N, C-alpha and C. Protein backbone atom coordinates (compact mmCIF):
# COMPACT_ATOMS: atom_id res chain seq x y z
N MET A 1 30.47 38.07 -66.53
CA MET A 1 29.09 37.75 -66.82
C MET A 1 28.68 36.53 -66.01
N PRO A 2 27.52 36.58 -65.30
CA PRO A 2 27.10 35.45 -64.48
C PRO A 2 26.63 34.27 -65.33
N LYS A 3 26.78 33.09 -64.73
CA LYS A 3 26.32 31.89 -65.42
C LYS A 3 24.80 31.90 -65.49
N LYS A 4 24.27 31.19 -66.43
CA LYS A 4 22.82 31.15 -66.61
C LYS A 4 22.14 30.48 -65.42
N GLU A 5 22.78 29.47 -64.82
CA GLU A 5 22.19 28.75 -63.70
C GLU A 5 22.08 29.62 -62.45
N SER A 6 22.95 30.63 -62.33
CA SER A 6 22.97 31.43 -61.12
C SER A 6 22.08 32.66 -61.21
N MET A 7 21.36 32.82 -62.28
CA MET A 7 20.48 33.98 -62.41
C MET A 7 19.16 33.71 -61.70
N TYR A 8 18.79 34.64 -60.82
CA TYR A 8 17.55 34.49 -60.07
C TYR A 8 16.35 34.95 -60.90
N LYS A 9 15.26 34.23 -60.74
CA LYS A 9 14.01 34.58 -61.40
C LYS A 9 12.87 34.30 -60.44
N THR A 10 11.71 34.82 -60.72
CA THR A 10 10.55 34.60 -59.87
C THR A 10 10.10 33.15 -60.00
N SER A 11 9.95 32.48 -58.84
CA SER A 11 9.51 31.09 -58.85
C SER A 11 8.33 30.93 -57.91
N VAL A 12 7.53 29.92 -58.18
CA VAL A 12 6.34 29.64 -57.39
C VAL A 12 6.64 28.49 -56.44
N VAL A 13 6.38 28.72 -55.15
CA VAL A 13 6.58 27.69 -54.13
C VAL A 13 5.21 27.12 -53.78
N THR A 14 5.06 25.80 -53.84
CA THR A 14 3.79 25.14 -53.55
C THR A 14 3.99 24.13 -52.43
N CYS A 15 3.12 24.19 -51.42
CA CYS A 15 3.16 23.25 -50.30
C CYS A 15 2.13 22.16 -50.52
N THR A 16 2.28 21.04 -49.82
CA THR A 16 1.30 19.96 -49.94
C THR A 16 -0.05 20.35 -49.37
N CYS A 17 -0.09 21.34 -48.47
CA CYS A 17 -1.36 21.80 -47.91
C CYS A 17 -2.13 22.67 -48.90
N GLY A 18 -1.47 23.09 -49.99
CA GLY A 18 -2.12 23.89 -51.01
C GLY A 18 -1.70 25.35 -51.00
N ALA A 19 -0.95 25.77 -50.02
CA ALA A 19 -0.50 27.17 -49.95
C ALA A 19 0.57 27.42 -51.01
N THR A 20 0.49 28.57 -51.64
CA THR A 20 1.49 28.95 -52.64
C THR A 20 1.94 30.37 -52.39
N PHE A 21 3.18 30.65 -52.73
CA PHE A 21 3.71 32.01 -52.68
C PHE A 21 4.86 32.10 -53.67
N GLU A 22 5.26 33.32 -53.96
CA GLU A 22 6.32 33.55 -54.92
C GLU A 22 7.58 34.02 -54.21
N THR A 23 8.72 33.62 -54.75
CA THR A 23 10.01 34.02 -54.24
C THR A 23 11.00 34.04 -55.39
N LYS A 24 12.21 34.43 -55.11
CA LYS A 24 13.25 34.43 -56.13
C LYS A 24 14.10 33.17 -55.96
N SER A 25 14.37 32.49 -57.07
CA SER A 25 15.17 31.27 -57.04
C SER A 25 15.70 30.99 -58.43
N THR A 26 16.61 30.04 -58.51
CA THR A 26 17.11 29.60 -59.81
C THR A 26 16.18 28.58 -60.44
N ASN A 27 15.27 28.01 -59.65
CA ASN A 27 14.29 27.03 -60.15
C ASN A 27 12.99 27.72 -60.49
N ASP A 28 12.23 27.14 -61.41
CA ASP A 28 10.93 27.70 -61.76
C ASP A 28 9.86 27.37 -60.72
N LYS A 29 9.86 26.12 -60.26
CA LYS A 29 8.86 25.66 -59.29
C LYS A 29 9.57 24.96 -58.14
N ILE A 30 9.05 25.17 -56.94
CA ILE A 30 9.59 24.52 -55.74
C ILE A 30 8.42 23.87 -55.01
N HIS A 31 8.57 22.61 -54.62
CA HIS A 31 7.53 21.89 -53.88
C HIS A 31 8.00 21.64 -52.46
N LEU A 32 7.16 21.98 -51.48
CA LEU A 32 7.47 21.79 -50.07
C LEU A 32 6.52 20.77 -49.45
N GLU A 33 6.99 20.10 -48.40
CA GLU A 33 6.11 19.21 -47.65
C GLU A 33 5.43 19.95 -46.51
N VAL A 34 6.15 20.89 -45.89
CA VAL A 34 5.62 21.64 -44.75
C VAL A 34 5.98 23.11 -44.92
N CYS A 35 5.00 23.98 -44.73
CA CYS A 35 5.25 25.42 -44.80
C CYS A 35 4.84 26.06 -43.48
N SER A 36 4.96 27.36 -43.38
CA SER A 36 4.63 28.05 -42.14
C SER A 36 3.13 28.05 -41.86
N LYS A 37 2.31 27.81 -42.86
CA LYS A 37 0.86 27.79 -42.66
C LYS A 37 0.36 26.45 -42.13
N CYS A 38 1.13 25.36 -42.35
CA CYS A 38 0.66 24.04 -41.90
C CYS A 38 1.60 23.39 -40.89
N HIS A 39 2.73 24.02 -40.56
CA HIS A 39 3.66 23.45 -39.59
C HIS A 39 3.06 23.57 -38.18
N PRO A 40 3.10 22.49 -37.37
CA PRO A 40 2.48 22.51 -36.05
C PRO A 40 3.04 23.59 -35.12
N PHE A 41 4.30 23.92 -35.22
CA PHE A 41 4.87 24.94 -34.34
C PHE A 41 4.27 26.31 -34.62
N TYR A 42 4.11 26.65 -35.88
CA TYR A 42 3.59 27.97 -36.24
C TYR A 42 2.08 28.06 -36.12
N THR A 43 1.37 26.95 -36.22
CA THR A 43 -0.09 26.97 -36.12
C THR A 43 -0.57 26.84 -34.68
N GLY A 44 0.32 26.55 -33.74
CA GLY A 44 -0.06 26.44 -32.34
C GLY A 44 -0.52 25.05 -31.95
N GLN A 45 -0.36 24.07 -32.80
CA GLN A 45 -0.79 22.71 -32.50
C GLN A 45 0.30 21.89 -31.85
N ALA A 46 1.53 22.42 -31.79
CA ALA A 46 2.65 21.69 -31.20
C ALA A 46 2.50 21.69 -29.68
N THR A 47 2.86 20.58 -29.07
CA THR A 47 2.83 20.48 -27.62
C THR A 47 4.25 20.41 -27.11
N MET A 48 4.54 21.26 -26.15
CA MET A 48 5.86 21.27 -25.53
C MET A 48 5.78 20.51 -24.21
N GLN A 49 6.65 19.55 -24.04
CA GLN A 49 6.68 18.79 -22.80
C GLN A 49 7.76 19.40 -21.93
N SER A 50 7.41 19.67 -20.67
CA SER A 50 8.37 20.32 -19.79
C SER A 50 9.46 19.35 -19.38
N LYS A 51 10.60 19.89 -18.95
CA LYS A 51 11.72 19.05 -18.55
C LYS A 51 11.40 18.30 -17.26
N THR A 52 10.61 18.91 -16.38
CA THR A 52 10.26 18.20 -15.14
C THR A 52 9.39 17.00 -15.45
N GLY A 53 8.54 17.11 -16.46
CA GLY A 53 7.71 15.98 -16.86
C GLY A 53 8.55 14.84 -17.40
N ARG A 54 9.59 15.15 -18.11
CA ARG A 54 10.48 14.13 -18.64
C ARG A 54 11.24 13.44 -17.52
N ALA A 55 11.70 14.22 -16.55
CA ALA A 55 12.44 13.65 -15.43
C ALA A 55 11.55 12.75 -14.59
N GLU A 56 10.33 13.19 -14.37
CA GLU A 56 9.39 12.36 -13.59
C GLU A 56 9.08 11.06 -14.34
N LYS A 57 8.94 11.13 -15.64
CA LYS A 57 8.68 9.93 -16.43
C LYS A 57 9.86 8.96 -16.34
N PHE A 58 11.09 9.49 -16.41
CA PHE A 58 12.29 8.67 -16.30
C PHE A 58 12.35 8.01 -14.92
N ASN A 59 12.12 8.79 -13.87
CA ASN A 59 12.17 8.26 -12.50
C ASN A 59 11.11 7.18 -12.28
N LYS A 60 9.94 7.38 -12.83
CA LYS A 60 8.88 6.39 -12.70
C LYS A 60 9.23 5.11 -13.46
N LYS A 61 9.83 5.26 -14.64
CA LYS A 61 10.17 4.12 -15.49
C LYS A 61 11.22 3.24 -14.84
N TYR A 62 12.23 3.85 -14.22
CA TYR A 62 13.34 3.09 -13.66
C TYR A 62 13.27 2.94 -12.14
N GLY A 63 12.16 3.32 -11.54
CA GLY A 63 11.94 3.07 -10.13
C GLY A 63 12.65 4.03 -9.19
N PHE A 64 13.04 5.19 -9.67
CA PHE A 64 13.65 6.20 -8.82
C PHE A 64 12.57 7.16 -8.36
N GLY A 65 11.84 6.77 -7.34
CA GLY A 65 10.75 7.61 -6.88
C GLY A 65 11.06 8.22 -5.53
N ASN A 66 10.13 9.00 -5.03
CA ASN A 66 10.25 9.56 -3.69
C ASN A 66 9.72 8.54 -2.69
N ASN A 67 10.44 7.46 -2.54
CA ASN A 67 10.03 6.36 -1.67
C ASN A 67 10.65 6.59 -0.29
N GLU A 68 9.83 6.96 0.70
CA GLU A 68 10.31 7.29 2.04
C GLU A 68 10.82 6.07 2.77
N SER A 69 10.30 4.87 2.51
CA SER A 69 10.72 3.66 3.22
C SER A 69 12.16 3.28 2.87
N SER A 70 12.61 3.59 1.67
CA SER A 70 13.97 3.24 1.28
C SER A 70 14.98 4.19 1.90
N LYS A 71 14.60 5.42 2.23
CA LYS A 71 15.51 6.38 2.83
C LYS A 71 15.74 6.06 4.31
N ASN A 72 14.74 5.53 5.00
CA ASN A 72 14.84 5.23 6.43
C ASN A 72 15.55 3.91 6.70
N ALA A 73 15.69 3.06 5.75
CA ALA A 73 16.26 1.73 5.97
C ALA A 73 17.77 1.74 6.02
């Protein structure tokens, strides 16, 4: 016989954005900070920075540029 704590029941999941949905869990209520409706990656608000942009930023920061005068010297 399963323990009482391990029995699944319908629970309500609530996000801080106000979205709610039902799932099965051992808890009655679940509170989330971020869900798929408000997460920047899923809503399209996330910005991806390319690797070349990061490398150029690093080179600019530490002075590793395409400086032609240093190559000829």
